[in-house]
């Protein structure tokens, strides 16, 4: 009896191994391909944002690739054509400006590739996207403008203001200018001149600031609504021997600009969490592709780091702005 039982058990054991060996193996999890279209990845701010996108995408197990327009609309459109033919599951776009974003987004619409927008949205309503991530541009620039105006009043200043801005053809550029101008108008300060960036380099803003200082002996406020601009303007102010005579502020928040606030050289930075914005898009893409969760448009607040609070506030925004390895320069 025992021998028969052992035989039966042996047969069952062998059969179970055979069945297990023949059972279909679980299909490997799908790896989603996602693309990021940056307008100018040589610019530190855009580089930080799209680094956040790639880092988060890889953390989530997605394959991510960046395409750089280098500020050229034709390159941007060619990148869109390339992406549309390479079986990407989702793409995030920042146009070189709002009008040139239209063609790229429509290319993806035709290819049925879902589109996210980082900061610069198309201005054609027929160019469709599922969600957008941006900062509260009007509010952040308004708040910083009010801070500068209040400081101006407290110091007894009576001069004019000027602005160095990203292109007003960009949706975020127009919004930033709107916020700052509103603050100046409310406080009764004349916004004498506005310079629009072409190359977005520090050298360009240095030259803009020199021109503004030379043309306006009574210049008291210089607002720069992107990071490279405020750093270039700061150098021009210092080279002109105008430190303390011209209030200067900016938008974004790189390690260099935040340290300059800590050091009392820049009066205020309105914070735009660039790296964090990129991570938001990657997380939304993953949730949408894996579970169909519908993304929401996100507009983050822009807290102010000022000469008064920088000792405690500057450090905590470093990672959100430029990533977990960001450090103040020596």
C-alpha atoms as a PDB file:
ATOM      1  CA  UNK A   1       0.000   0.000   0.000  1.00  0.00           C
ATOM      2  CA  UNK A   2       2.788   2.361   0.923  1.00  0.00           C
ATOM      3  CA  UNK A   3       4.624   1.620  -2.309  1.00  0.00           C
ATOM      4  CA  UNK A   4       1.505   2.405  -4.370  1.00  0.00           C
ATOM      5  CA  UNK A   5       1.059   5.693  -2.485  1.00  0.00           C
ATOM      6  CA  UNK A   6       4.680   6.660  -3.149  1.00  0.00           C
ATOM      7  CA  UNK A   7       4.242   5.893  -6.850  1.00  0.00           C
ATOM      8  CA  UNK A   8       1.115   8.060  -7.047  1.00  0.00           C
ATOM      9  CA  UNK A   9       2.823  10.946  -5.233  1.00  0.00           C
ATOM     10  CA  UNK A  10       5.849  10.683  -7.517  1.00  0.00           C
ATOM     11  CA  UNK A  11       3.641  10.802 -10.618  1.00  0.00           C
ATOM     12  CA  UNK A  12       1.795  13.848  -9.289  1.00  0.00           C
ATOM     13  CA  UNK A  13       5.059  15.611  -8.456  1.00  0.00           C
ATOM     14  CA  UNK A  14       6.487  14.986 -11.939  1.00  0.00           C
ATOM     15  CA  UNK A  15       3.223  16.139 -13.513  1.00  0.00           C
ATOM     16  CA  UNK A  16       3.279  19.358 -11.511  1.00  0.00           C
ATOM     17  CA  UNK A  17       6.801  20.133 -12.764  1.00  0.00           C
ATOM     18  CA  UNK A  18       5.736  19.441 -16.349  1.00  0.00           C
ATOM     19  CA  UNK A  19       2.673  21.666 -16.004  1.00  0.00           C
ATOM     20  CA  UNK A  20       4.711  24.419 -14.413  1.00  0.00           C
ATOM     21  CA  UNK A  21       7.280  24.204 -17.186  1.00  0.00           C
ATOM     22  CA  UNK A  22       4.614  24.388 -19.861  1.00  0.00           C
ATOM     23  CA  UNK A  23       2.628  27.201 -18.264  1.00  0.00           C
ATOM     24  CA  UNK A  24       2.890  30.493 -20.148  1.00  0.00           C
ATOM     25  CA  UNK A  25       5.352  32.925 -18.579  1.00  0.00           C
ATOM     26  CA  UNK A  26       4.082  36.329 -17.455  1.00  0.00           C
ATOM     27  CA  UNK A  27       4.673  38.988 -20.085  1.00  0.00           C
ATOM     28  CA  UNK A  28       7.323  41.544 -19.087  1.00  0.00           C
ATOM     29  CA  UNK A  29       5.950  44.897 -17.968  1.00  0.00           C
ATOM     30  CA  UNK A  30       5.683  47.366 -20.828  1.00  0.00           C
ATOM     31  CA  UNK A  31       8.353  50.036 -20.879  1.00  0.00           C
ATOM     32  CA  UNK A  32       6.830  53.318 -21.972  1.00  0.00           C
ATOM     33  CA  UNK A  33       8.824  55.663 -24.210  1.00  0.00           C
ATOM     34  CA  UNK A  34       8.421  59.349 -23.418  1.00  0.00           C
ATOM     35  CA  UNK A  35      10.029  62.389 -25.023  1.00  0.00           C
ATOM     36  CA  UNK A  36      10.835  65.906 -23.873  1.00  0.00           C
ATOM     37  CA  UNK A  37      11.085  68.815 -26.328  1.00  0.00           C
ATOM     38  CA  UNK A  38      13.068  71.658 -24.773  1.00  0.00           C
ATOM     39  CA  UNK A  39      13.353  75.042 -26.470  1.00  0.00           C
ATOM     40  CA  UNK A  40      16.961  75.613 -25.395  1.00  0.00           C
ATOM     41  CA  UNK A  41      18.595  73.035 -23.174  1.00  0.00           C
ATOM     42  CA  UNK A  42      21.843  75.020 -23.056  1.00  0.00           C
ATOM     43  CA  UNK A  43      19.954  77.464 -20.834  1.00  0.00           C
ATOM     44  CA  UNK A  44      20.427  76.403 -17.183  1.00  0.00           C
ATOM     45  CA  UNK A  45      16.757  76.888 -16.280  1.00  0.00           C
ATOM     46  CA  UNK A  46      15.439  74.706 -19.104  1.00  0.00           C
ATOM     47  CA  UNK A  47      18.174  72.166 -18.424  1.00  0.00           C
ATOM     48  CA  UNK A  48      17.094  71.918 -14.772  1.00  0.00           C
ATOM     49  CA  UNK A  49      13.449  71.453 -15.718  1.00  0.00           C
ATOM     50  CA  UNK A  50      14.048  68.727 -18.274  1.00  0.00           C
ATOM     51  CA  UNK A  51      16.581  66.994 -16.017  1.00  0.00           C
ATOM     52  CA  UNK A  52      13.777  66.701 -13.481  1.00  0.00           C
ATOM     53  CA  UNK A  53      11.574  65.168 -16.174  1.00  0.00           C
ATOM     54  CA  UNK A  54      14.169  62.581 -17.194  1.00  0.00           C
ATOM     55  CA  UNK A  55      15.174  61.713 -13.624  1.00  0.00           C
ATOM     56  CA  UNK A  56      11.580  61.048 -12.582  1.00  0.00           C
ATOM     57  CA  UNK A  57      10.737  59.151 -15.774  1.00  0.00           C
ATOM     58  CA  UNK A  58      13.681  56.799 -15.248  1.00  0.00           C
ATOM     59  CA  UNK A  59      12.801  56.357 -11.581  1.00  0.00           C
ATOM     60  CA  UNK A  60       9.337  55.205 -12.711  1.00  0.00           C
ATOM     61  CA  UNK A  61      10.815  52.737 -15.199  1.00  0.00           C
ATOM     62  CA  UNK A  62      10.126  54.715 -18.363  1.00  0.00           C
ATOM     63  CA  UNK A  63      12.526  55.324 -21.216  1.00  0.00           C
ATOM     64  CA  UNK A  64      13.019  59.074 -21.674  1.00  0.00           C
ATOM     65  CA  UNK A  65      14.806  61.045 -24.372  1.00  0.00           C
ATOM     66  CA  UNK A  66      15.288  64.795 -24.784  1.00  0.00           C
ATOM     67  CA  UNK A  67      15.191  66.782 -28.014  1.00  0.00           C
ATOM     68  CA  UNK A  68      16.747  70.270 -28.035  1.00  0.00           C
ATOM     69  CA  UNK A  69      15.521  73.035 -30.349  1.00  0.00           C
ATOM     70  CA  UNK A  70      18.460  75.317 -29.418  1.00  0.00           C
ATOM     71  CA  UNK A  71      16.081  78.274 -29.763  1.00  0.00           C
ATOM     72  CA  UNK A  72      15.300  77.475 -33.409  1.00  0.00           C
ATOM     73  CA  UNK A  73      11.646  76.985 -34.473  1.00  0.00           C
ATOM     74  CA  UNK A  74      12.650  74.934 -37.528  1.00  0.00           C
ATOM     75  CA  UNK A  75      14.668  72.556 -35.358  1.00  0.00           C
ATOM     76  CA  UNK A  76      11.748  72.341 -32.971  1.00  0.00           C
ATOM     77  CA  UNK A  77       9.383  71.273 -35.758  1.00  0.00           C
ATOM     78  CA  UNK A  78      11.882  68.739 -37.152  1.00  0.00           C
ATOM     79  CA  UNK A  79      12.206  67.272 -33.646  1.00  0.00           C
ATOM     80  CA  UNK A  80       8.420  66.949 -33.506  1.00  0.00           C
ATOM     81  CA  UNK A  81       8.366  65.135 -36.846  1.00  0.00           C
ATOM     82  CA  UNK A  82      11.073  62.736 -35.654  1.00  0.00           C
ATOM     83  CA  UNK A  83       9.270  61.980 -32.390  1.00  0.00           C
ATOM     84  CA  UNK A  84       5.941  61.430 -34.169  1.00  0.00           C
ATOM     85  CA  UNK A  85       7.452  58.600 -36.251  1.00  0.00           C
ATOM     86  CA  UNK A  86       9.284  56.815 -33.423  1.00  0.00           C
ATOM     87  CA  UNK A  87       6.398  55.280 -31.450  1.00  0.00           C
ATOM     88  CA  UNK A  88       6.642  57.452 -28.361  1.00  0.00           C
ATOM     89  CA  UNK A  89       3.831  57.018 -25.863  1.00  0.00           C
ATOM     90  CA  UNK A  90       3.783  60.622 -24.632  1.00  0.00           C
ATOM     91  CA  UNK A  91       5.644  63.889 -25.136  1.00  0.00           C
ATOM     92  CA  UNK A  92       6.145  67.117 -23.198  1.00  0.00           C
ATOM     93  CA  UNK A  93       6.618  70.331 -25.181  1.00  0.00           C
ATOM     94  CA  UNK A  94       7.969  73.788 -24.370  1.00  0.00           C
ATOM     95  CA  UNK A  95       7.722  75.923 -27.497  1.00  0.00           C
ATOM     96  CA  UNK A  96      10.400  78.372 -28.562  1.00  0.00           C
ATOM     97  CA  UNK A  97       7.422  80.722 -28.323  1.00  0.00           C
ATOM     98  CA  UNK A  98       3.668  80.281 -28.234  1.00  0.00           C
ATOM     99  CA  UNK A  99       3.064  80.583 -31.966  1.00  0.00           C
ATOM    100  CA  UNK A 100       5.809  78.150 -32.959  1.00  0.00           C
ATOM    101  CA  UNK A 101       4.521  75.599 -30.450  1.00  0.00           C
ATOM    102  CA  UNK A 102       1.357  75.216 -32.534  1.00  0.00           C
ATOM    103  CA  UNK A 103       2.863  73.189 -35.369  1.00  0.00           C
ATOM    104  CA  UNK A 104       4.723  70.824 -33.030  1.00  0.00           C
ATOM    105  CA  UNK A 105       1.682  70.100 -30.894  1.00  0.00           C
ATOM    106  CA  UNK A 106      -0.525  69.553 -33.961  1.00  0.00           C
ATOM    107  CA  UNK A 107       2.040  67.085 -35.302  1.00  0.00           C
ATOM    108  CA  UNK A 108       1.575  65.013 -32.154  1.00  0.00           C
ATOM    109  CA  UNK A 109      -2.204  65.411 -32.289  1.00  0.00           C
ATOM    110  CA  UNK A 110      -2.165  63.889 -35.781  1.00  0.00           C
ATOM    111  CA  UNK A 111      -0.011  61.011 -34.544  1.00  0.00           C
ATOM    112  CA  UNK A 112      -2.327  60.451 -31.530  1.00  0.00           C
ATOM    113  CA  UNK A 113       0.504  61.029 -29.059  1.00  0.00           C
ATOM    114  CA  UNK A 114      -0.703  62.679 -25.822  1.00  0.00           C
ATOM    115  CA  UNK A 115       0.969  66.044 -25.195  1.00  0.00           C
ATOM    116  CA  UNK A 116       1.917  67.839 -21.982  1.00  0.00           C
ATOM    117  CA  UNK A 117       3.036  71.449 -21.889  1.00  0.00           C
ATOM    118  CA  UNK A 118       5.826  72.834 -19.713  1.00  0.00           C
ATOM    119  CA  UNK A 119       5.571  76.626 -19.313  1.00  0.00           C
ATOM    120  CA  UNK A 120       5.058  77.811 -22.919  1.00  0.00           C
ATOM    121  CA  UNK A 121       1.694  76.816 -24.350  1.00  0.00           C
ATOM    122  CA  UNK A 122       0.492  77.075 -27.970  1.00  0.00           C
ATOM    123  CA  UNK A 123      -1.694  80.054 -28.807  1.00  0.00           C
ATOM    124  CA  UNK A 124      -3.891  78.142 -31.277  1.00  0.00           C
ATOM    125  CA  UNK A 125      -6.890  76.520 -29.582  1.00  0.00           C
ATOM    126  CA  UNK A 126      -6.847  73.709 -32.140  1.00  0.00           C
ATOM    127  CA  UNK A 127      -3.437  72.553 -30.838  1.00  0.00           C
ATOM    128  CA  UNK A 128      -4.578  70.158 -28.121  1.00  0.00           C
ATOM    129  CA  UNK A 129      -2.748  69.081 -24.973  1.00  0.00           C
ATOM    130  CA  UNK A 130      -3.866  66.997 -22.001  1.00  0.00           C
ATOM    131  CA  UNK A 131      -2.322  69.132 -19.228  1.00  0.00           C
ATOM    132  CA  UNK A 132       0.105  71.936 -18.526  1.00  0.00           C
ATOM    133  CA  UNK A 133       2.560  72.553 -15.694  1.00  0.00           C
ATOM    134  CA  UNK A 134       3.666  76.105 -15.007  1.00  0.00           C
ATOM    135  CA  UNK A 135       4.197  78.678 -12.257  1.00  0.00           C
ATOM    136  CA  UNK A 136       1.821  81.428 -11.209  1.00  0.00           C
ATOM    137  CA  UNK A 137       3.622  83.881 -13.450  1.00  0.00           C
ATOM    138  CA  UNK A 138       1.328  86.857 -13.005  1.00  0.00           C
ATOM    139  CA  UNK A 139       1.134  86.441  -9.230  1.00  0.00           C
ATOM    140  CA  UNK A 140       4.821  85.745  -8.690  1.00  0.00           C
ATOM    141  CA  UNK A 141       5.971  88.753 -10.698  1.00  0.00           C
ATOM    142  CA  UNK A 142       3.331  90.946  -9.081  1.00  0.00           C
ATOM    143  CA  UNK A 143       4.395  89.913  -5.563  1.00  0.00           C
ATOM    144  CA  UNK A 144       8.060  90.542  -6.308  1.00  0.00           C
ATOM    145  CA  UNK A 145       7.170  93.897  -7.875  1.00  0.00           C
ATOM    146  CA  UNK A 146       5.236  94.925  -4.770  1.00  0.00           C
ATOM    147  CA  UNK A 147       8.188  93.896  -2.585  1.00  0.00           C
ATOM    148  CA  UNK A 148      10.570  96.008  -4.676  1.00  0.00           C
ATOM    149  CA  UNK A 149       8.148  98.940  -4.681  1.00  0.00           C
ATOM    150  CA  UNK A 150       7.754  98.808  -0.906  1.00  0.00           C
ATOM    151  CA  UNK A 151      11.536  98.679  -0.484  1.00  0.00           C
ATOM    152  CA  UNK A 152      11.843 101.616  -2.896  1.00  0.00           C
ATOM    153  CA  UNK A 153       9.371 103.657  -0.836  1.00  0.00           C
ATOM    154  CA  UNK A 154      11.065 102.730   2.434  1.00  0.00           C
ATOM    155  CA  UNK A 155      14.407 103.931   1.078  1.00  0.00           C
ATOM    156  CA  UNK A 156      12.911 107.203  -0.128  1.00  0.00           C
ATOM    157  CA  UNK A 157      13.673 106.492  -3.769  1.00  0.00           C
ATOM    158  CA  UNK A 158      11.988 108.540  -6.503  1.00  0.00           C
ATOM    159  CA  UNK A 159      13.334 107.145  -9.786  1.00  0.00           C
ATOM    160  CA  UNK A 160      11.961 104.920 -12.521  1.00  0.00           C
ATOM    161  CA  UNK A 161      11.778 101.159 -13.057  1.00  0.00           C
ATOM    162  CA  UNK A 162      12.886  99.016 -16.006  1.00  0.00           C
ATOM    163  CA  UNK A 163      12.432  95.370 -16.924  1.00  0.00           C
ATOM    164  CA  UNK A 164      14.375  92.690 -18.789  1.00  0.00           C
ATOM    165  CA  UNK A 165      11.903  90.037 -19.867  1.00  0.00           C
ATOM    166  CA  UNK A 166      11.674  86.809 -21.787  1.00  0.00           C
ATOM    167  CA  UNK A 167       9.918  87.222 -25.127  1.00  0.00           C
ATOM    168  CA  UNK A 168       6.427  88.645 -24.827  1.00  0.00           C
ATOM    169  CA  UNK A 169       5.478  86.257 -27.655  1.00  0.00           C
ATOM    170  CA  UNK A 170       5.725  83.486 -25.065  1.00  0.00           C
ATOM    171  CA  UNK A 171       2.652  82.920 -22.920  1.00  0.00           C
ATOM    172  CA  UNK A 172       4.723  82.934 -19.740  1.00  0.00           C
ATOM    173  CA  UNK A 173       6.652  86.045 -20.810  1.00  0.00           C
ATOM    174  CA  UNK A 174       3.456  88.013 -21.353  1.00  0.00           C
ATOM    175  CA  UNK A 175       2.127  86.827 -17.975  1.00  0.00           C
ATOM    176  CA  UNK A 176       5.302  87.784 -16.097  1.00  0.00           C
ATOM    177  CA  UNK A 177       5.368  91.238 -17.650  1.00  0.00           C
ATOM    178  CA  UNK A 178       1.690  91.694 -16.811  1.00  0.00           C
ATOM    179  CA  UNK A 179       2.277  90.913 -13.145  1.00  0.00           C
ATOM    180  CA  UNK A 180       5.256  93.222 -12.723  1.00  0.00           C
ATOM    181  CA  UNK A 181       3.644  96.109 -14.625  1.00  0.00           C
ATOM    182  CA  UNK A 182       0.513  95.786 -12.500  1.00  0.00           C
ATOM    183  CA  UNK A 183       2.631  96.167  -9.345  1.00  0.00           C
ATOM    184  CA  UNK A 184       4.422  99.250 -10.695  1.00  0.00           C
ATOM    185  CA  UNK A 185       1.142 100.826 -11.812  1.00  0.00           C
ATOM    186  CA  UNK A 186      -0.482 100.241  -8.419  1.00  0.00           C
ATOM    187  CA  UNK A 187       2.473 101.776  -6.610  1.00  0.00           C
ATOM    188  CA  UNK A 188       2.736 104.749  -8.947  1.00  0.00           C
ATOM    189  CA  UNK A 189       6.222 103.900 -10.227  1.00  0.00           C
ATOM    190  CA  UNK A 190       6.948 104.585 -13.895  1.00  0.00           C
ATOM    191  CA  UNK A 191       8.021 101.477 -15.842  1.00  0.00           C
ATOM    192  CA  UNK A 192      10.250 103.410 -18.220  1.00  0.00           C
ATOM    193  CA  UNK A 193      11.728 100.690 -20.456  1.00  0.00           C
ATOM    194  CA  UNK A 194      11.251  97.001 -21.235  1.00  0.00           C
ATOM    195  CA  UNK A 195      13.947  94.931 -22.951  1.00  0.00           C
ATOM    196  CA  UNK A 196      12.965  91.591 -24.527  1.00  0.00           C
ATOM    197  CA  UNK A 197      15.493  88.764 -24.632  1.00  0.00           C
ATOM    198  CA  UNK A 198      16.644  87.300 -27.923  1.00  0.00           C
ATOM    199  CA  UNK A 199      19.510  85.001 -26.918  1.00  0.00           C
ATOM    200  CA  UNK A 200      18.600  84.596 -23.219  1.00  0.00           C
ATOM    201  CA  UNK A 201      22.251  84.756 -22.234  1.00  0.00           C
ATOM    202  CA  UNK A 202      23.876  86.482 -19.317  1.00  0.00           C
ATOM    203  CA  UNK A 203      25.991  88.562 -21.675  1.00  0.00           C
ATOM    204  CA  UNK A 204      22.872  89.840 -23.428  1.00  0.00           C
ATOM    205  CA  UNK A 205      21.245  90.914 -20.178  1.00  0.00           C
ATOM    206  CA  UNK A 206      24.504  92.532 -19.045  1.00  0.00           C
ATOM    207  CA  UNK A 207      24.417  94.702 -22.173  1.00  0.00           C
ATOM    208  CA  UNK A 208      20.692  95.424 -21.713  1.00  0.00           C
ATOM    209  CA  UNK A 209      21.337  96.532 -18.131  1.00  0.00           C
ATOM    210  CA  UNK A 210      24.274  98.723 -19.139  1.00  0.00           C
ATOM    211  CA  UNK A 211      22.093 100.438 -21.740  1.00  0.00           C
ATOM    212  CA  UNK A 212      19.278 100.966 -19.238  1.00  0.00           C
ATOM    213  CA  UNK A 213      21.631 102.393 -16.608  1.00  0.00           C
ATOM    214  CA  UNK A 214      23.280 104.773 -19.095  1.00  0.00           C
ATOM    215  CA  UNK A 215      19.960 105.924 -20.588  1.00  0.00           C
ATOM    216  CA  UNK A 216      18.223 106.389 -17.244  1.00  0.00           C
ATOM    217  CA  UNK A 217      20.332 108.139 -14.581  1.00  0.00           C
ATOM    218  CA  UNK A 218      17.324 107.934 -12.232  1.00  0.00           C
ATOM    219  CA  UNK A 219      16.894 104.136 -12.608  1.00  0.00           C
ATOM    220  CA  UNK A 220      15.907 102.790  -9.188  1.00  0.00           C
ATOM    221  CA  UNK A 221      14.394  99.328  -9.902  1.00  0.00           C
ATOM    222  CA  UNK A 222      15.555  96.727 -12.415  1.00  0.00           C
ATOM    223  CA  UNK A 223      13.342  93.633 -12.629  1.00  0.00           C
ATOM    224  CA  UNK A 224      14.593  90.608 -14.574  1.00  0.00           C
ATOM    225  CA  UNK A 225      12.055  87.838 -15.073  1.00  0.00           C
ATOM    226  CA  UNK A 226      14.446  84.971 -15.759  1.00  0.00           C
ATOM    227  CA  UNK A 227      17.533  83.797 -13.930  1.00  0.00           C
ATOM    228  CA  UNK A 228      20.325  84.507 -16.401  1.00  0.00           C
ATOM    229  CA  UNK A 229      18.968  88.041 -16.826  1.00  0.00           C
ATOM    230  CA  UNK A 230      19.165  88.916 -13.147  1.00  0.00           C
ATOM    231  CA  UNK A 231      22.719  87.601 -12.908  1.00  0.00           C
ATOM    232  CA  UNK A 232      23.825  89.592 -15.944  1.00  0.00           C
ATOM    233  CA  UNK A 233      22.049  92.722 -14.677  1.00  0.00           C
ATOM    234  CA  UNK A 234      23.591  92.334 -11.226  1.00  0.00           C
ATOM    235  CA  UNK A 235      27.083  92.399 -12.718  1.00  0.00           C
ATOM    236  CA  UNK A 236      26.246  95.498 -14.778  1.00  0.00           C
ATOM    237  CA  UNK A 237      24.919  97.295 -11.682  1.00  0.00           C
ATOM    238  CA  UNK A 238      28.006  96.399  -9.676  1.00  0.00           C
ATOM    239  CA  UNK A 239      30.358  97.338 -12.513  1.00  0.00           C
ATOM    240  CA  UNK A 240      28.617 100.727 -12.754  1.00  0.00           C
ATOM    241  CA  UNK A 241      29.131 101.336  -9.028  1.00  0.00           C
ATOM    242  CA  UNK A 242      25.353 101.401  -8.497  1.00  0.00           C
ATOM    243  CA  UNK A 243      25.003  98.694  -5.824  1.00  0.00           C
ATOM    244  CA  UNK A 244      22.341  99.817  -3.355  1.00  0.00           C
ATOM    245  CA  UNK A 245      21.247 102.630  -5.650  1.00  0.00           C
ATOM    246  CA  UNK A 246      19.360 100.286  -7.996  1.00  0.00           C
ATOM    247  CA  UNK A 247      17.122  97.593  -6.523  1.00  0.00           C
ATOM    248  CA  UNK A 248      17.347  94.357  -8.495  1.00  0.00           C
ATOM    249  CA  UNK A 249      15.205  91.253  -8.482  1.00  0.00           C
ATOM    250  CA  UNK A 250      14.581  88.168 -10.566  1.00  0.00           C
ATOM    251  CA  UNK A 251      12.497  85.100 -11.278  1.00  0.00           C
ATOM    252  CA  UNK A 252      13.456  81.361 -11.147  1.00  0.00           C
ATOM    253  CA  UNK A 253      16.049  80.697  -8.445  1.00  0.00           C
ATOM    254  CA  UNK A 254      19.380  79.117  -9.376  1.00  0.00           C
ATOM    255  CA  UNK A 255      22.030  78.327  -6.767  1.00  0.00           C
ATOM    256  CA  UNK A 256      23.954  81.397  -7.925  1.00  0.00           C
ATOM    257  CA  UNK A 257      21.044  83.829  -7.763  1.00  0.00           C
ATOM    258  CA  UNK A 258      19.800  82.517  -4.416  1.00  0.00           C
ATOM    259  CA  UNK A 259      23.277  82.884  -2.931  1.00  0.00           C
ATOM    260  CA  UNK A 260      23.372  86.460  -4.230  1.00  0.00           C
ATOM    261  CA  UNK A 261      20.179  87.149  -2.263  1.00  0.00           C
ATOM    262  CA  UNK A 262      21.768  85.617   0.841  1.00  0.00           C
ATOM    263  CA  UNK A 263      24.789  87.843   0.280  1.00  0.00           C
ATOM    264  CA  UNK A 264      22.576  90.952  -0.023  1.00  0.00           C
ATOM    265  CA  UNK A 265      23.469  91.595  -3.673  1.00  0.00           C
ATOM    266  CA  UNK A 266      20.034  90.730  -5.140  1.00  0.00           C
ATOM    267  CA  UNK A 267      16.980  92.050  -3.306  1.00  0.00           C
ATOM    268  CA  UNK A 268      14.425  89.382  -4.195  1.00  0.00           C
ATOM    269  CA  UNK A 269      13.912  86.205  -6.211  1.00  0.00           C
ATOM    270  CA  UNK A 270      10.452  84.858  -7.023  1.00  0.00           C
ATOM    271  CA  UNK A 271      10.877  81.101  -6.925  1.00  0.00           C
ATOM    272  CA  UNK A 272       9.924  78.861  -9.831  1.00  0.00           C
ATOM    273  CA  UNK A 273      10.542  75.187  -8.916  1.00  0.00           C
ATOM    274  CA  UNK A 274      11.981  74.186 -12.292  1.00  0.00           C
ATOM    275  CA  UNK A 275      13.245  70.686 -11.486  1.00  0.00           C
ATOM    276  CA  UNK A 276      10.046  69.889  -9.606  1.00  0.00           C
ATOM    277  CA  UNK A 277       7.916  70.948 -12.585  1.00  0.00           C
ATOM    278  CA  UNK A 278       9.691  68.359 -14.732  1.00  0.00           C
ATOM    279  CA  UNK A 279       9.020  65.630 -12.185  1.00  0.00           C
ATOM    280  CA  UNK A 280       5.318  66.509 -12.071  1.00  0.00           C
ATOM    281  CA  UNK A 281       4.991  65.945 -15.813  1.00  0.00           C
ATOM    282  CA  UNK A 282       6.784  62.578 -15.691  1.00  0.00           C
ATOM    283  CA  UNK A 283       4.570  61.370 -12.832  1.00  0.00           C
ATOM    284  CA  UNK A 284       1.422  62.483 -14.651  1.00  0.00           C
ATOM    285  CA  UNK A 285       2.523  60.686 -17.815  1.00  0.00           C
ATOM    286  CA  UNK A 286       3.198  57.469 -15.914  1.00  0.00           C
ATOM    287  CA  UNK A 287      -0.164  57.568 -14.135  1.00  0.00           C
ATOM    288  CA  UNK A 288      -1.978  58.282 -17.399  1.00  0.00           C
ATOM    289  CA  UNK A 289      -0.199  55.543 -19.365  1.00  0.00           C
ATOM    290  CA  UNK A 290      -0.465  52.867 -16.693  1.00  0.00           C
ATOM    291  CA  UNK A 291      -3.920  53.491 -15.256  1.00  0.00           C
ATOM    292  CA  UNK A 292      -5.627  56.045 -17.471  1.00  0.00           C
ATOM    293  CA  UNK A 293      -5.665  58.617 -14.665  1.00  0.00           C
ATOM    294  CA  UNK A 294      -6.536  61.971 -16.211  1.00  0.00           C
ATOM    295  CA  UNK A 295      -3.916  64.634 -15.454  1.00  0.00           C
ATOM    296  CA  UNK A 296      -4.699  68.093 -14.146  1.00  0.00           C
ATOM    297  CA  UNK A 297      -3.105  71.370 -15.123  1.00  0.00           C
ATOM    298  CA  UNK A 298      -0.796  72.535 -12.314  1.00  0.00           C
ATOM    299  CA  UNK A 299       0.225  76.113 -11.535  1.00  0.00           C
ATOM    300  CA  UNK A 300       2.594  76.349  -8.595  1.00  0.00           C
ATOM    301  CA  UNK A 301       2.940  79.413  -6.336  1.00  0.00           C
ATOM    302  CA  UNK A 302       6.086  81.546  -6.442  1.00  0.00           C
ATOM    303  CA  UNK A 303       7.285  82.242  -2.889  1.00  0.00           C
ATOM    304  CA  UNK A 304       9.706  85.117  -2.441  1.00  0.00           C
ATOM    305  CA  UNK A 305      13.261  84.778  -1.185  1.00  0.00           C
ATOM    306  CA  UNK A 306      14.331  88.215  -0.008  1.00  0.00           C
ATOM    307  CA  UNK A 307      17.291  89.802   1.701  1.00  0.00           C
ATOM    308  CA  UNK A 308      15.285  89.616   4.940  1.00  0.00           C
ATOM    309  CA  UNK A 309      14.430  85.893   4.837  1.00  0.00           C
ATOM    310  CA  UNK A 310      17.178  84.387   2.662  1.00  0.00           C
ATOM    311  CA  UNK A 311      19.167  83.032   5.596  1.00  0.00           C
ATOM    312  CA  UNK A 312      16.359  80.569   6.336  1.00  0.00           C
ATOM    313  CA  UNK A 313      14.461  80.335   3.023  1.00  0.00           C
ATOM    314  CA  UNK A 314      17.083  80.124   0.253  1.00  0.00           C
ATOM    315  CA  UNK A 315      18.397  76.661   1.106  1.00  0.00           C
ATOM    316  CA  UNK A 316      15.030  74.912   1.086  1.00  0.00           C
ATOM    317  CA  UNK A 317      14.265  75.881  -2.517  1.00  0.00           C
ATOM    318  CA  UNK A 318      17.545  74.690  -4.021  1.00  0.00           C
ATOM    319  CA  UNK A 319      16.423  71.109  -4.729  1.00  0.00           C
ATOM    320  CA  UNK A 320      13.016  72.090  -6.117  1.00  0.00           C
ATOM    321  CA  UNK A 321      14.635  74.597  -8.460  1.00  0.00           C
ATOM    322  CA  UNK A 322      17.789  72.823  -9.623  1.00  0.00           C
ATOM    323  CA  UNK A 323      17.636  69.249  -8.360  1.00  0.00           C
ATOM    324  CA  UNK A 324      18.719  67.212  -5.330  1.00  0.00           C
ATOM    325  CA  UNK A 325      22.460  67.730  -5.949  1.00  0.00           C
ATOM    326  CA  UNK A 326      22.252  71.525  -6.247  1.00  0.00           C
ATOM    327  CA  UNK A 327      24.608  73.479  -3.980  1.00  0.00           C
ATOM    328  CA  UNK A 328      25.422  77.115  -3.450  1.00  0.00           C
ATOM    329  CA  UNK A 329      28.593  78.192  -5.267  1.00  0.00           C
ATOM    330  CA  UNK A 330      31.668  78.702  -3.131  1.00  0.00           C
END
